[in-house]
N, C-alpha and C. Protein backbone atom coordinates (compact mmCIF):
# COMPACT_ATOMS: atom_id res chain seq x y z
N MET A 1 -46.36 45.15 9.36
CA MET A 1 -45.21 45.89 10.03
C MET A 1 -45.12 44.26 11.33
N SER A 2 -44.11 44.72 11.32
CA SER A 2 -43.82 44.05 12.79
C SER A 2 -44.27 44.64 14.30
N ARG A 3 -45.14 43.67 14.99
CA ARG A 3 -45.42 44.28 15.91
C ARG A 3 -44.22 44.54 17.66
N THR A 4 -43.27 43.61 17.15
CA THR A 4 -42.03 43.23 17.52
C THR A 4 -41.08 44.49 18.22
N PRO A 5 -41.13 44.80 19.82
CA PRO A 5 -40.39 45.87 20.37
C PRO A 5 -39.30 46.33 19.73
N VAL A 6 -38.16 47.50 19.44
CA VAL A 6 -37.01 47.27 18.88
C VAL A 6 -35.92 48.15 20.12
N ARG A 7 -35.09 47.37 20.28
CA ARG A 7 -34.40 47.61 21.24
C ARG A 7 -33.40 49.09 20.95
N ILE A 8 -33.02 50.21 21.13
CA ILE A 8 -32.03 50.85 20.64
C ILE A 8 -30.96 51.56 21.21
N SER A 9 -30.27 51.72 20.55
CA SER A 9 -28.49 52.06 21.57
C SER A 9 -28.10 52.97 20.62
N PHE A 10 -27.73 54.23 21.01
CA PHE A 10 -26.90 55.24 20.07
C PHE A 10 -25.53 55.96 21.01
N SER A 11 -24.77 55.82 20.13
CA SER A 11 -23.56 55.69 21.02
C SER A 11 -22.62 56.68 19.90
N ALA A 12 -21.27 57.61 20.64
CA ALA A 12 -20.53 58.28 20.32
C ALA A 12 -19.22 57.07 20.82
N LEU A 13 -18.25 57.07 19.68
CA LEU A 13 -17.27 56.41 19.98
C LEU A 13 -16.00 57.05 19.78
N LEU A 14 -14.57 57.58 20.58
CA LEU A 14 -13.20 57.96 20.09
C LEU A 14 -12.49 57.31 19.80
N ARG A 15 -11.80 57.37 18.48
CA ARG A 15 -10.74 56.71 17.59
C ARG A 15 -9.15 57.58 18.32
N VAL A 16 -8.56 56.63 19.12
CA VAL A 16 -7.05 57.22 19.53
C VAL A 16 -6.08 56.60 19.11
N ARG A 17 -5.55 56.70 18.33
CA ARG A 17 -4.44 56.03 17.12
C ARG A 17 -2.74 56.51 18.00
N ASP A 18 -1.91 55.30 18.16
CA ASP A 18 -1.09 55.36 18.71
C ASP A 18 -0.22 54.43 17.49
N ASP A 19 0.70 55.40 16.53
CA ASP A 19 0.84 54.89 15.21
C ASP A 19 -0.40 54.22 14.55
N ASP A 20 0.19 52.99 14.33
CA ASP A 20 -0.74 51.49 13.87
C ASP A 20 -1.72 51.00 14.79
N ARG A 21 -1.76 51.19 15.89
CA ARG A 21 -2.60 50.68 16.79
C ARG A 21 -3.51 51.34 17.58
N PHE A 22 -4.94 50.98 18.51
CA PHE A 22 -5.36 51.81 18.54
C PHE A 22 -5.86 51.86 20.10
N VAL A 23 -5.81 52.96 21.09
CA VAL A 23 -5.96 52.89 22.37
C VAL A 23 -7.53 52.23 22.57
N LEU A 24 -7.73 51.31 23.70
CA LEU A 24 -9.05 50.82 24.50
C LEU A 24 -8.56 51.30 25.70
N PHE A 25 -9.86 51.09 26.45
CA PHE A 25 -10.05 51.04 28.06
C PHE A 25 -10.79 49.64 28.17
N HIS A 26 -10.41 49.48 29.42
CA HIS A 26 -11.00 48.29 29.83
C HIS A 26 -12.13 48.77 30.66
N SER A 27 -13.73 48.43 30.84
CA SER A 27 -14.79 48.51 30.76
C SER A 27 -15.05 47.61 31.62
N PRO A 28 -15.06 48.70 33.07
CA PRO A 28 -15.60 48.71 34.30
C PRO A 28 -17.06 47.77 34.53
N THR A 29 -17.98 48.07 33.34
CA THR A 29 -19.30 47.22 33.46
C THR A 29 -19.47 46.21 33.10
N ARG A 30 -18.24 45.32 32.04
CA ARG A 30 -17.72 44.40 31.26
C ARG A 30 -16.67 43.87 31.72
N PRO A 31 -16.55 43.28 33.11
CA PRO A 31 -15.07 42.74 33.27
C PRO A 31 -14.58 41.70 32.26
N GLY A 32 -13.08 42.47 32.14
CA GLY A 32 -12.57 41.48 31.15
C GLY A 32 -12.69 42.18 29.72
N VAL A 33 -13.10 42.82 29.48
CA VAL A 33 -13.59 43.36 27.89
C VAL A 33 -13.21 44.94 28.00
N CYS A 34 -12.02 45.29 26.86
CA CYS A 34 -11.69 46.32 26.48
C CYS A 34 -12.35 47.07 25.42
N GLY A 35 -12.37 48.30 24.77
CA GLY A 35 -13.27 49.11 24.10
C GLY A 35 -12.98 50.15 23.84
N PRO A 36 -13.58 50.90 22.97
CA PRO A 36 -12.75 52.47 22.44
C PRO A 36 -13.20 53.39 23.57
N PRO A 37 -13.07 54.18 24.16
CA PRO A 37 -13.40 55.36 25.11
C PRO A 37 -15.41 56.26 23.92
N GLY A 38 -15.74 55.99 24.70
CA GLY A 38 -17.38 56.50 24.45
C GLY A 38 -18.30 55.78 24.98
N GLY A 39 -19.32 56.14 24.84
CA GLY A 39 -20.47 55.71 25.52
C GLY A 39 -21.96 55.82 24.61
N VAL A 40 -22.62 55.85 25.31
CA VAL A 40 -24.48 56.00 24.98
C VAL A 40 -24.55 57.38 25.25
N ILE A 41 -25.20 57.87 24.24
CA ILE A 41 -25.53 59.53 24.15
C ILE A 41 -26.61 59.84 25.11
N LYS A 42 -27.03 60.61 25.55
CA LYS A 42 -27.60 61.19 26.60
C LYS A 42 -28.81 61.98 26.13
N TYR A 43 -30.31 61.64 26.86
CA TYR A 43 -30.93 62.97 26.52
C TYR A 43 -31.09 63.86 27.55
N PHE A 44 -31.85 65.11 27.48
CA PHE A 44 -31.82 65.99 28.29
C PHE A 44 -33.28 66.23 29.01
N PRO A 45 -33.32 66.79 30.15
CA PRO A 45 -35.10 66.56 30.84
C PRO A 45 -36.01 67.01 29.64
N PRO A 46 -36.04 68.25 29.24
CA PRO A 46 -37.03 68.45 28.32
C PRO A 46 -37.58 67.91 27.15
N ALA A 47 -36.82 66.28 26.88
CA ALA A 47 -37.17 65.19 25.77
C ALA A 47 -37.54 64.31 26.96
N ALA A 48 -37.87 64.12 28.17
CA ALA A 48 -38.53 63.15 28.89
C ALA A 48 -39.55 62.98 28.21
N GLY A 49 -40.71 64.08 28.09
CA GLY A 49 -42.34 64.00 28.01
C GLY A 49 -42.27 63.62 26.48
N VAL A 50 -41.36 63.43 24.99
CA VAL A 50 -41.23 63.73 24.05
C VAL A 50 -41.32 62.03 24.18
N LEU A 51 -40.38 61.19 24.96
CA LEU A 51 -40.12 60.05 24.75
C LEU A 51 -40.75 59.21 25.54
N GLU A 52 -41.34 59.75 26.30
CA GLU A 52 -42.67 58.78 27.31
C GLU A 52 -43.76 58.99 26.18
N ARG A 53 -44.22 59.86 25.09
CA ARG A 53 -45.18 59.79 24.08
C ARG A 53 -44.69 58.93 22.99
N LEU A 54 -43.67 58.65 23.01
CA LEU A 54 -43.67 57.48 22.28
C LEU A 54 -43.19 55.92 22.85
N GLY A 55 -43.85 56.22 23.81
CA GLY A 55 -43.15 54.86 24.72
C GLY A 55 -41.96 54.38 25.47
N PHE A 56 -40.78 55.27 25.31
CA PHE A 56 -39.44 54.80 25.34
C PHE A 56 -39.34 54.44 26.50
N ASP A 57 -38.98 53.16 26.77
CA ASP A 57 -38.83 52.46 28.06
C ASP A 57 -37.32 52.22 28.38
N GLU A 58 -36.42 53.15 28.87
CA GLU A 58 -35.23 53.15 29.18
C GLU A 58 -34.40 52.12 29.60
N GLU A 59 -33.37 51.39 29.60
CA GLU A 59 -32.79 50.44 29.73
C GLU A 59 -32.03 50.74 30.88
N ARG A 60 -32.09 50.18 32.21
CA ARG A 60 -31.29 50.61 33.37
C ARG A 60 -30.27 49.23 33.32
N THR A 61 -29.21 49.04 33.83
CA THR A 61 -28.45 48.10 33.36
C THR A 61 -27.53 47.76 35.29
N PRO A 62 -26.97 46.83 35.83
CA PRO A 62 -26.15 47.24 37.14
C PRO A 62 -24.73 46.86 35.91
N PRO A 63 -23.71 47.55 36.70
CA PRO A 63 -23.58 47.70 38.22
C PRO A 63 -24.00 49.25 38.74
N ARG A 64 -24.62 50.13 37.64
CA ARG A 64 -24.49 51.24 37.33
C ARG A 64 -26.56 51.35 37.46
N ILE A 65 -26.41 50.93 38.00
CA ILE A 65 -28.36 50.97 37.89
C ILE A 65 -28.59 52.25 39.06
N GLU A 66 -28.21 52.54 40.26
CA GLU A 66 -28.47 53.82 40.43
C GLU A 66 -27.86 55.00 40.47
N VAL A 67 -27.37 54.92 39.35
CA VAL A 67 -27.20 56.34 38.45
C VAL A 67 -27.75 56.93 38.07
N ALA A 68 -27.83 57.97 37.48
CA ALA A 68 -28.43 58.77 36.70
C ALA A 68 -28.37 58.71 35.44
N GLY A 69 -29.59 57.94 34.92
CA GLY A 69 -29.20 57.84 33.55
C GLY A 69 -29.76 58.13 32.42
N MET A 70 -31.02 58.48 32.02
CA MET A 70 -31.39 59.54 30.88
C MET A 70 -29.99 59.13 29.29
N ASP A 71 -30.20 57.79 29.42
CA ASP A 71 -29.14 57.07 28.09
C ASP A 71 -30.36 56.96 27.16
N LEU A 72 -29.62 57.03 25.81
CA LEU A 72 -30.57 56.84 24.72
C LEU A 72 -30.29 55.14 24.17
N ARG A 73 -30.64 54.43 25.48
CA ARG A 73 -30.92 53.06 25.13
C ARG A 73 -31.96 52.42 25.48
N GLY A 74 -32.84 51.86 25.19
CA GLY A 74 -33.57 50.93 26.02
C GLY A 74 -34.79 50.74 24.43
N LEU A 75 -36.26 50.39 25.04
CA LEU A 75 -36.90 49.57 24.30
C LEU A 75 -38.06 50.78 23.47
N LEU A 76 -38.48 50.62 22.46
CA LEU A 76 -39.51 51.27 22.07
C LEU A 76 -40.24 50.66 21.27
N PRO A 77 -41.59 50.93 21.78
CA PRO A 77 -42.69 50.17 20.46
C PRO A 77 -42.35 50.20 18.80
N ALA A 78 -42.72 49.05 18.20
CA ALA A 78 -41.95 49.54 16.30
C ALA A 78 -42.80 50.74 16.08
N GLY A 79 -43.77 50.95 16.37
CA GLY A 79 -44.63 51.85 15.24
C GLY A 79 -43.76 53.32 15.91
N SER A 80 -42.95 53.52 16.85
CA SER A 80 -42.48 54.60 17.00
C SER A 80 -40.96 55.09 16.59
N VAL A 81 -40.51 54.04 16.19
CA VAL A 81 -39.38 53.98 15.65
C VAL A 81 -38.98 55.19 14.43
N ARG A 82 -39.79 55.32 14.24
CA ARG A 82 -39.60 56.59 12.54
C ARG A 82 -39.61 57.45 13.14
N ARG A 83 -40.62 57.79 14.21
CA ARG A 83 -40.86 59.22 15.28
C ARG A 83 -39.83 59.39 15.97
N PHE A 84 -39.20 58.48 16.76
CA PHE A 84 -38.23 58.50 17.43
C PHE A 84 -36.71 58.79 16.22
N LEU A 85 -36.48 58.68 15.49
CA LEU A 85 -35.43 58.94 14.26
C LEU A 85 -35.43 60.45 13.92
N ALA A 86 -36.98 60.28 13.29
CA ALA A 86 -37.22 61.90 13.14
C ALA A 86 -36.75 62.91 14.58
N TRP A 87 -36.90 62.76 15.87
CA TRP A 87 -36.95 63.53 16.81
C TRP A 87 -35.36 63.63 16.70
N PHE A 88 -34.80 62.77 16.94
CA PHE A 88 -33.05 62.42 17.33
C PHE A 88 -32.43 63.16 16.06
N ALA A 89 -33.11 63.22 14.86
CA ALA A 89 -32.08 64.26 13.64
C ALA A 89 -32.34 65.51 14.05
N THR A 90 -33.05 65.98 14.70
CA THR A 90 -33.19 67.58 15.26
C THR A 90 -32.22 68.09 15.74
N GLY A 91 -31.85 66.73 16.84
CA GLY A 91 -30.72 67.15 17.59
C GLY A 91 -30.96 67.54 19.01
N ALA A 92 -32.69 67.97 19.18
CA ALA A 92 -33.09 68.50 20.45
C ALA A 92 -33.13 68.32 21.70
N TYR A 93 -32.79 68.59 22.57
CA TYR A 93 -33.08 68.15 23.91
C TYR A 93 -31.63 66.60 23.76
N ARG A 94 -30.86 66.86 23.84
CA ARG A 94 -29.98 65.35 23.64
C ARG A 94 -28.26 65.70 23.45
N GLU A 95 -28.08 64.75 24.18
CA GLU A 95 -26.28 65.66 23.90
C GLU A 95 -25.84 65.37 22.19
N HIS A 96 -24.79 66.19 21.89
CA HIS A 96 -24.33 65.25 20.63
C HIS A 96 -23.00 64.64 20.77
N ALA A 97 -22.65 63.91 19.72
CA ALA A 97 -21.69 62.99 19.89
C ALA A 97 -20.48 63.92 20.55
N GLU A 98 -20.04 64.72 19.88
CA GLU A 98 -18.61 65.71 20.55
C GLU A 98 -18.96 65.65 21.91
N ASP A 99 -20.08 66.26 22.25
CA ASP A 99 -20.44 66.55 23.90
C ASP A 99 -20.61 64.97 24.93
N CYS A 100 -20.92 63.95 24.22
CA CYS A 100 -20.93 62.43 24.80
C CYS A 100 -19.10 62.44 25.03
N LEU A 101 -18.72 63.06 23.87
CA LEU A 101 -17.17 61.90 23.98
C LEU A 101 -16.51 63.01 25.20
N ARG A 102 -16.52 64.09 25.26
CA ARG A 102 -15.90 64.74 26.32
C ARG A 102 -16.77 64.44 27.48
N ARG A 103 -17.64 64.30 27.80
CA ARG A 103 -18.22 63.55 29.45
C ARG A 103 -17.50 61.94 29.50
N GLU A 104 -17.93 61.44 28.56
CA GLU A 104 -17.29 60.16 28.85
C GLU A 104 -15.50 59.94 28.84
N LEU A 105 -14.56 60.80 27.95
CA LEU A 105 -13.32 60.63 28.14
C LEU A 105 -13.20 61.41 30.04
N ALA A 106 -13.91 62.37 30.59
CA ALA A 106 -13.74 62.80 31.85
C ALA A 106 -14.17 61.59 32.82
N GLU A 107 -15.13 61.07 32.23
CA GLU A 107 -15.29 59.86 33.69
C GLU A 107 -14.37 58.68 33.40
N GLU A 108 -14.18 58.22 31.94
CA GLU A 108 -13.50 56.93 31.78
C GLU A 108 -12.10 57.25 32.03
N SER A 109 -11.63 58.18 32.10
CA SER A 109 -10.22 58.45 32.55
C SER A 109 -10.04 58.27 33.96
N LEU A 110 -10.92 58.63 34.85
CA LEU A 110 -10.69 58.08 36.25
C LEU A 110 -10.85 56.94 36.48
N GLU A 111 -11.77 56.04 35.61
CA GLU A 111 -12.55 54.83 35.72
C GLU A 111 -10.98 53.74 35.28
N VAL A 112 -10.35 54.07 34.85
CA VAL A 112 -9.15 53.49 33.91
C VAL A 112 -8.00 53.98 34.66
N GLY A 113 -8.22 54.49 36.04
CA GLY A 113 -6.65 54.72 36.85
C GLY A 113 -6.17 56.46 36.23
N LEU A 114 -6.69 56.97 35.55
CA LEU A 114 -5.77 57.78 34.72
C LEU A 114 -5.58 59.22 35.77
N GLY A 115 -6.66 59.32 36.75
CA GLY A 115 -7.27 60.91 37.28
C GLY A 115 -7.98 61.19 36.41
N PRO A 116 -7.88 62.63 37.47
CA PRO A 116 -8.89 63.25 36.35
C PRO A 116 -7.97 64.08 35.28
N THR A 117 -8.81 64.73 34.04
CA THR A 117 -7.74 64.95 32.74
C THR A 117 -7.86 66.62 33.22
N ALA A 118 -6.67 66.84 33.10
CA ALA A 118 -5.50 68.08 33.61
C ALA A 118 -5.82 68.92 31.91
N GLU A 119 -6.69 68.38 31.16
CA GLU A 119 -6.67 68.92 29.92
C GLU A 119 -8.24 69.95 30.19
N ASN A 120 -8.57 71.12 29.29
CA ASN A 120 -9.66 71.82 29.11
C ASN A 120 -10.49 71.18 28.20
N LEU A 121 -11.14 70.03 28.75
CA LEU A 121 -12.07 69.61 27.73
C LEU A 121 -13.21 70.01 26.57
N HIS A 122 -13.82 71.41 27.20
CA HIS A 122 -14.63 71.77 26.18
C HIS A 122 -13.76 72.54 25.16
N GLU A 123 -12.21 72.89 25.50
CA GLU A 123 -11.75 73.40 24.10
C GLU A 123 -11.21 72.05 22.87
N ALA A 124 -11.43 70.97 23.42
CA ALA A 124 -11.23 69.92 22.66
C ALA A 124 -12.49 69.57 21.33
N ARG A 125 -11.28 69.74 20.20
CA ARG A 125 -12.68 69.26 18.95
C ARG A 125 -12.41 67.90 18.27
N PHE A 126 -13.36 67.22 17.30
CA PHE A 126 -13.25 66.03 16.98
C PHE A 126 -13.64 66.19 15.60
N ALA A 127 -13.54 65.54 14.96
CA ALA A 127 -13.64 65.22 13.66
C ALA A 127 -14.19 63.85 13.72
N HIS A 128 -15.52 63.97 12.59
CA HIS A 128 -16.20 62.66 12.33
C HIS A 128 -15.76 61.80 11.59
N VAL A 129 -15.71 60.48 11.68
CA VAL A 129 -15.11 59.39 10.58
C VAL A 129 -15.88 58.84 9.82
N ARG A 130 -16.94 58.40 10.62
CA ARG A 130 -18.16 57.46 10.35
C ARG A 130 -18.98 57.29 10.95
N THR A 131 -20.46 57.08 10.72
CA THR A 131 -21.17 56.62 11.18
C THR A 131 -22.10 55.18 10.71
N VAL A 132 -21.75 54.43 11.86
CA VAL A 132 -22.27 52.76 11.44
C VAL A 132 -23.47 52.63 12.23
N VAL A 133 -25.05 52.16 11.40
CA VAL A 133 -26.06 51.98 11.71
C VAL A 133 -26.09 50.25 11.70
N GLU A 134 -26.56 49.82 12.70
CA GLU A 134 -27.11 47.94 12.43
C GLU A 134 -28.49 47.97 12.28
N GLY A 135 -29.21 47.63 11.70
CA GLY A 135 -30.85 47.02 12.01
C GLY A 135 -31.89 48.04 11.78
N PRO A 136 -32.83 48.08 11.96
CA PRO A 136 -33.49 47.06 12.99
C PRO A 136 -33.98 45.31 12.76
N ALA A 137 -32.55 44.81 13.20
CA ALA A 137 -32.46 42.96 12.99
C ALA A 137 -32.72 42.48 14.35
N ALA A 138 -33.51 41.27 14.20
CA ALA A 138 -33.26 40.13 14.96
C ALA A 138 -32.15 40.01 15.99
N VAL A 139 -32.77 39.65 17.25
CA VAL A 139 -31.19 39.33 17.78
C VAL A 139 -31.64 38.04 18.37
N PRO A 140 -30.73 36.95 18.35
CA PRO A 140 -30.94 35.12 18.87
C PRO A 140 -31.27 35.39 20.40
N GLY A 141 -32.57 35.20 20.50
CA GLY A 141 -32.81 34.92 21.96
C GLY A 141 -33.79 35.55 22.38
N LYS A 142 -33.59 37.00 21.70
CA LYS A 142 -34.58 38.25 22.57
C LYS A 142 -35.56 38.05 22.20
N PRO A 143 -36.79 39.03 22.34
CA PRO A 143 -37.71 39.18 22.65
C PRO A 143 -37.88 40.94 21.45
N TYR A 144 -36.96 40.81 21.24
CA TYR A 144 -36.82 42.15 20.53
C TYR A 144 -36.36 42.43 19.37
N ARG A 145 -36.31 43.48 18.20
CA ARG A 145 -35.03 43.67 17.18
C ARG A 145 -34.30 44.76 17.42
N GLN A 146 -33.41 44.97 17.72
CA GLN A 146 -32.85 45.90 17.56
C GLN A 146 -31.92 46.82 16.61
N LEU A 147 -31.83 48.22 16.88
CA LEU A 147 -31.27 49.11 16.30
C LEU A 147 -30.30 50.02 17.12
N ARG A 148 -28.78 49.66 16.51
CA ARG A 148 -27.68 50.40 17.17
C ARG A 148 -27.41 51.38 15.99
N ARG A 149 -26.69 52.60 16.63
CA ARG A 149 -26.23 53.81 15.60
C ARG A 149 -24.79 53.98 16.36
N PHE A 150 -24.13 54.00 15.86
CA PHE A 150 -22.29 54.30 16.51
C PHE A 150 -21.59 55.54 15.61
N GLU A 151 -21.44 56.30 16.30
CA GLU A 151 -20.66 57.54 15.96
C GLU A 151 -19.58 57.28 15.86
N VAL A 152 -18.55 57.43 15.23
CA VAL A 152 -16.77 57.52 15.47
C VAL A 152 -16.49 58.50 15.02
N TYR A 153 -15.70 58.93 16.05
CA TYR A 153 -14.65 60.74 15.78
C TYR A 153 -13.37 60.13 16.26
N ASP A 154 -12.70 61.34 15.57
CA ASP A 154 -11.23 61.34 16.04
C ASP A 154 -10.95 62.85 16.32
N LEU A 155 -9.98 62.82 17.37
CA LEU A 155 -9.54 63.84 18.28
C LEU A 155 -8.54 64.83 17.04
N VAL A 156 -9.57 66.20 17.15
CA VAL A 156 -8.53 66.85 16.32
C VAL A 156 -7.00 67.47 16.80
N THR A 157 -6.05 67.09 16.66
CA THR A 157 -4.97 67.00 17.03
C THR A 157 -4.10 68.58 16.35
N GLY A 158 -4.46 69.15 15.90
CA GLY A 158 -4.02 70.54 15.54
C GLY A 158 -3.94 71.26 16.77
N ASN A 159 -5.00 71.40 17.37
CA ASN A 159 -4.76 72.36 18.53
C ASN A 159 -4.26 71.60 19.83
N GLY A 160 -3.55 72.19 20.96
CA GLY A 160 -2.93 72.08 22.02
C GLY A 160 -3.54 70.42 22.80
N VAL A 161 -5.21 70.65 23.04
CA VAL A 161 -5.88 70.06 23.88
C VAL A 161 -6.14 68.56 23.23
N GLY A 162 -6.16 68.56 21.74
CA GLY A 162 -6.31 67.32 21.32
C GLY A 162 -4.88 66.17 20.92
N LEU A 163 -4.00 67.00 20.80
CA LEU A 163 -2.64 66.46 21.22
C LEU A 163 -2.22 66.17 22.36
N ARG A 164 -2.53 66.97 23.40
CA ARG A 164 -2.27 66.80 24.92
C ARG A 164 -2.69 65.33 24.88
N ILE A 165 -4.20 65.09 24.24
CA ILE A 165 -4.94 64.32 25.63
C ILE A 165 -4.73 62.61 24.48
N THR A 166 -4.27 62.92 22.86
CA THR A 166 -3.59 61.96 22.62
C THR A 166 -2.35 61.36 22.70
N ARG A 167 -1.54 61.96 22.97
CA ARG A 167 -0.15 61.53 23.71
C ARG A 167 -0.33 60.75 24.48
N ARG A 168 -1.38 61.58 25.71
CA ARG A 168 -1.08 61.37 27.22
C ARG A 168 -1.78 59.59 27.14
N LEU A 169 -2.92 59.47 26.37
CA LEU A 169 -3.67 58.49 26.05
C LEU A 169 -2.70 57.19 25.29
N ALA A 170 -2.07 57.65 24.58
CA ALA A 170 -0.93 56.59 24.05
C ALA A 170 -0.05 56.27 24.83
N ARG A 171 0.91 56.93 25.76
CA ARG A 171 1.72 56.50 26.38
C ARG A 171 0.79 55.63 27.39
N ALA A 172 -0.35 55.64 27.80
CA ALA A 172 -0.72 55.10 29.00
C ALA A 172 -0.94 53.87 28.33
N GLY A 173 -1.41 54.02 27.51
CA GLY A 173 -1.75 52.45 26.41
C GLY A 173 -0.49 51.69 26.48
N ARG A 174 0.87 51.96 26.57
CA ARG A 174 1.84 51.48 26.32
C ARG A 174 2.55 51.28 27.95
N ALA A 175 2.27 51.47 28.81
CA ALA A 175 2.73 51.52 30.06
C ALA A 175 2.21 50.32 31.01
N ALA A 176 2.56 49.59 31.64
CA ALA A 176 2.14 48.67 32.44
C ALA A 176 1.80 49.01 33.64
N GLU A 177 2.44 50.47 34.27
CA GLU A 177 1.40 50.93 35.25
C GLU A 177 0.00 51.27 35.22
N HIS A 178 -0.76 51.18 33.66
CA HIS A 178 -1.59 51.60 33.24
C HIS A 178 -2.28 50.15 32.37
N PRO A 179 -2.55 49.14 33.32
CA PRO A 179 -3.24 47.84 32.72
C PRO A 179 -4.71 47.59 31.79
N ASP A 180 -5.43 48.97 32.64
CA ASP A 180 -6.33 49.26 32.30
C ASP A 180 -6.71 50.00 30.63
N VAL A 181 -5.55 50.29 30.55
CA VAL A 181 -5.22 51.13 28.63
C VAL A 181 -4.68 50.51 28.04
N VAL A 182 -5.08 50.14 26.71
CA VAL A 182 -4.21 48.85 26.08
C VAL A 182 -4.23 49.83 24.74
N CYS A 183 -2.80 49.12 23.87
CA CYS A 183 -3.11 49.25 22.51
C CYS A 183 -3.24 48.10 21.59
N ALA A 184 -4.38 48.61 20.81
CA ALA A 184 -4.68 47.18 20.23
C ALA A 184 -4.52 47.05 18.82
N SER A 185 -3.57 45.99 18.36
CA SER A 185 -3.71 46.49 16.54
C SER A 185 -5.05 45.75 15.96
N ARG A 186 -4.66 46.03 14.43
CA ARG A 186 -6.02 45.37 13.44
C ARG A 186 -5.92 44.03 14.17
N SER A 187 -4.71 43.40 14.25
CA SER A 187 -4.67 42.00 13.85
C SER A 187 -5.67 41.97 15.61
N ASP A 188 -5.42 42.37 16.70
CA ASP A 188 -5.76 41.83 17.69
C ASP A 188 -7.25 42.17 17.62
N ILE A 189 -8.17 43.29 16.98
CA ILE A 189 -9.02 43.55 17.11
C ILE A 189 -9.61 42.70 15.99
N ARG A 190 -9.54 42.05 15.36
CA ARG A 190 -10.07 41.24 14.13
C ARG A 190 -10.28 39.53 14.91
N HIS A 191 -9.32 39.24 16.00
CA HIS A 191 -8.94 38.61 16.28
C HIS A 191 -9.88 38.61 17.87
N GLY A 192 -10.38 39.75 18.33
CA GLY A 192 -11.05 39.35 19.39
C GLY A 192 -10.58 39.62 20.87
N ARG A 193 -9.10 39.38 20.92
CA ARG A 193 -8.55 39.27 22.48
C ARG A 193 -7.12 39.90 22.13
N LEU A 194 -6.60 40.57 23.03
CA LEU A 194 -5.70 41.32 23.37
C LEU A 194 -4.85 40.71 25.16
N GLY A 195 -4.15 39.61 25.17
CA GLY A 195 -3.81 39.14 26.37
C GLY A 195 -5.23 38.15 26.84
N ARG A 196 -4.89 39.22 27.81
CA ARG A 196 -5.95 38.60 29.10
C ARG A 196 -7.47 39.25 29.14
N LEU A 197 -7.55 39.86 28.04
CA LEU A 197 -8.68 41.04 27.80
C LEU A 197 -9.67 40.69 26.39
N LEU A 198 -10.88 40.22 26.20
CA LEU A 198 -11.68 40.13 25.22
C LEU A 198 -11.71 41.78 24.55
N ILE A 199 -11.75 41.62 23.12
CA ILE A 199 -11.87 43.40 22.90
C ILE A 199 -13.29 43.66 22.46
N ALA A 200 -14.04 44.35 22.81
CA ALA A 200 -15.73 44.99 22.39
C ALA A 200 -15.65 44.86 20.87
N PRO A 201 -16.87 44.01 20.38
CA PRO A 201 -17.29 44.06 19.07
C PRO A 201 -17.11 45.47 18.29
N GLN A 202 -17.57 46.44 19.08
CA GLN A 202 -17.43 47.71 18.32
C GLN A 202 -16.51 48.06 18.06
N SER A 203 -15.18 47.79 18.32
CA SER A 203 -13.70 48.31 18.44
C SER A 203 -13.42 47.84 16.73
N ALA A 204 -14.19 47.16 15.87
CA ALA A 204 -14.16 46.90 14.56
C ALA A 204 -14.65 48.57 14.15
N PHE A 205 -15.34 49.10 14.44
CA PHE A 205 -15.53 50.35 13.53
C PHE A 205 -14.72 50.94 13.38
N LEU A 206 -13.71 51.08 14.93
CA LEU A 206 -12.75 52.56 14.27
C LEU A 206 -11.69 51.80 13.20
N MET A 207 -11.97 50.64 12.67
CA MET A 207 -11.02 50.80 11.49
C MET A 207 -12.00 50.48 10.27
N GLY A 208 -13.55 50.04 10.77
CA GLY A 208 -14.11 50.26 8.93
C GLY A 208 -15.92 50.01 9.40
N GLY A 209 -16.59 49.91 8.54
CA GLY A 209 -17.95 50.05 8.82
C GLY A 209 -19.09 48.30 8.84
N VAL A 210 -17.84 47.55 9.34
CA VAL A 210 -18.36 45.96 9.48
C VAL A 210 -17.56 45.46 10.73
N ARG A 211 -19.13 45.14 11.57
CA ARG A 211 -18.51 44.54 12.65
C ARG A 211 -17.78 42.99 12.26
N LEU A 212 -16.83 42.38 13.35
CA LEU A 212 -16.16 41.58 12.78
C LEU A 212 -16.02 40.28 13.63
N THR A 213 -16.68 40.85 14.96
CA THR A 213 -16.82 39.23 16.00
C THR A 213 -18.11 39.79 16.51
N PRO A 214 -18.82 38.79 17.21
CA PRO A 214 -20.01 38.50 17.86
C PRO A 214 -20.07 39.47 18.86
N ASP A 215 -21.43 39.54 19.30
CA ASP A 215 -21.61 40.27 20.69
C ASP A 215 -21.05 39.64 21.76
N LEU A 216 -21.36 40.40 22.83
CA LEU A 216 -20.40 39.83 24.23
C LEU A 216 -21.78 40.00 25.16
N PRO A 217 -21.81 38.86 26.09
CA PRO A 217 -23.29 39.39 26.99
C PRO A 217 -22.69 40.54 27.95
N PRO A 218 -23.74 40.93 28.03
CA PRO A 218 -23.65 42.25 29.43
C PRO A 218 -23.48 41.54 30.75
N VAL A 219 -23.15 42.15 31.90
CA VAL A 219 -23.31 41.43 32.94
C VAL A 219 -24.63 41.57 33.20
N ARG A 220 -24.72 40.91 34.36
CA ARG A 220 -26.72 40.81 34.87
C ARG A 220 -26.56 40.35 36.37
């Protein structure tokens, strides 16, 4: 068995469609890059002891290094991965994907200049599209292997909240006054760029389960 540490990153992504295009947000943590709304799933304080016993070393990256973390992103000893996955599968003491998306949508709407969401996000409902798991696999130039999980969801538009959010984001993606919200076609996502913005590789999971472009280096 390999003793190489494993970097884990477990996230939820929101697929918002505007006809044949997908709504993407500019990322403040990766200037010049846009990707789907969403982010890393968080754990709750009761899980801290569990993760500590597993040897989990949470990753804290700038420019949010001073912001409260509790993200399920960091390094695990190779021998702890199976136990970590068993704990994650129970759903105990962590966000579920839908709660992660509600939180991220509220935070990211502010970051991209849309202001606070007027909708009652706790009423928003989501439909699972797919789960993409990558790895554990070697990462060129890094002293670890990597295991990533992406849970992709649609907003349920049958109720008023989901429909209003979808329409609001689609309008912003088409409007020049909201440059940090864009609508990208399938061709744009395959190409990996839309105008001045690079498109984050996980955007491909809005269309299917295969990554189409290589990773982009994070800000350091």
